[in-house]
Amino acid sequence: MTGYIERMREMVGTETLLTVGCGAIMEDEYGRILLQKRTDRGTWGIPGGY
């Protein structure tokens, strides 16, 4: 789905764009939380997607 949001944005302009997404918080037996580093912004967050 690469580019899907960008294509939708071209069609609707600045109108509200509703999307569905999900995320998960996963903890191991030591209490550590799994994070993923975003490739677009370089920030860390919970694994998820749309």
C-alpha atoms as a PDB file:
ATOM      1  CA  MET A   1       0.000   0.000   0.000  1.00  0.00           C
ATOM      2  CA  THR A   2       2.930   2.296  -0.526  1.00  0.00           C
ATOM      3  CA  GLY A   3       1.703   5.759  -1.429  1.00  0.00           C
ATOM      4  CA  TYR A   4      -1.964   5.020  -0.663  1.00  0.00           C
ATOM      5  CA  ILE A   5      -2.413   7.904   1.775  1.00  0.00           C
ATOM      6  CA  GLU A   6      -0.640  10.289  -0.592  1.00  0.00           C
ATOM      7  CA  ARG A   7      -2.932   9.264  -3.476  1.00  0.00           C
ATOM      8  CA  MET A   8      -6.012   9.676  -1.278  1.00  0.00           C
ATOM      9  CA  ARG A   9      -4.787  13.095  -0.126  1.00  0.00           C
ATOM     10  CA  GLU A  10      -4.444  14.176  -3.773  1.00  0.00           C
ATOM     11  CA  MET A  11      -8.096  13.222  -4.333  1.00  0.00           C
ATOM     12  CA  VAL A  12      -9.645  14.818  -1.227  1.00  0.00           C
ATOM     13  CA  GLY A  13      -7.270  17.728  -0.649  1.00  0.00           C
ATOM     14  CA  THR A  14      -7.475  19.089   2.898  1.00  0.00           C
ATOM     15  CA  GLU A  15     -10.784  17.361   3.738  1.00  0.00           C
ATOM     16  CA  THR A  16     -10.757  15.002   6.715  1.00  0.00           C
ATOM     17  CA  LEU A  17      -9.290  11.643   5.726  1.00  0.00           C
ATOM     18  CA  LEU A  18     -10.355   8.730   7.926  1.00  0.00           C
ATOM     19  CA  THR A  19      -8.109   5.677   8.005  1.00  0.00           C
ATOM     20  CA  VAL A  20      -8.038   2.477  10.025  1.00  0.00           C
ATOM     21  CA  GLY A  21      -4.933   1.559  11.982  1.00  0.00           C
ATOM     22  CA  CYS A  22      -3.800  -0.669  14.794  1.00  0.00           C
ATOM     23  CA  GLY A  23      -0.972  -0.943  17.276  1.00  0.00           C
ATOM     24  CA  ALA A  24       0.201  -3.431  19.852  1.00  0.00           C
ATOM     25  CA  ILE A  25       2.170  -3.201  23.074  1.00  0.00           C
ATOM     26  CA  MET A  26       4.245  -6.334  23.554  1.00  0.00           C
ATOM     27  CA  GLU A  27       6.114  -7.019  26.772  1.00  0.00           C
ATOM     28  CA  ASP A  28       8.641  -9.792  27.381  1.00  0.00           C
ATOM     29  CA  GLU A  29       9.228 -11.720  30.608  1.00  0.00           C
ATOM     30  CA  TYR A  30      11.648  -8.997  31.787  1.00  0.00           C
ATOM     31  CA  GLY A  31       9.093  -6.193  31.409  1.00  0.00           C
ATOM     32  CA  ARG A  32      10.732  -4.745  28.305  1.00  0.00           C
ATOM     33  CA  ILE A  33       8.436  -3.197  25.695  1.00  0.00           C
ATOM     34  CA  LEU A  34       8.985  -3.826  21.982  1.00  0.00           C
ATOM     35  CA  LEU A  35       9.407  -0.609  19.966  1.00  0.00           C
ATOM     36  CA  GLN A  36      10.028  -0.022  16.288  1.00  0.00           C
ATOM     37  CA  LYS A  37      11.956   2.831  14.716  1.00  0.00           C
ATOM     38  CA  ARG A  38      10.073   4.649  11.973  1.00  0.00           C
ATOM     39  CA  THR A  39      11.937   4.894   8.689  1.00  0.00           C
ATOM     40  CA  ASP A  40      10.186   8.117   7.641  1.00  0.00           C
ATOM     41  CA  ARG A  41      10.826  10.231  10.761  1.00  0.00           C
ATOM     42  CA  GLY A  42      13.398   8.239  12.707  1.00  0.00           C
ATOM     43  CA  THR A  43      11.230   8.265  15.847  1.00  0.00           C
ATOM     44  CA  TRP A  44      10.406   5.269  18.053  1.00  0.00           C
ATOM     45  CA  GLY A  45       6.894   3.972  18.709  1.00  0.00           C
ATOM     46  CA  ILE A  46       4.741   0.915  19.222  1.00  0.00           C
ATOM     47  CA  PRO A  47       4.510  -1.540  16.303  1.00  0.00           C
ATOM     48  CA  GLY A  48       1.464  -0.944  14.163  1.00  0.00           C
ATOM     49  CA  GLY A  49       0.229   0.065  10.800  1.00  0.00           C
ATOM     50  CA  TYR A  50      -2.704   0.820   8.580  1.00  0.00           C
END
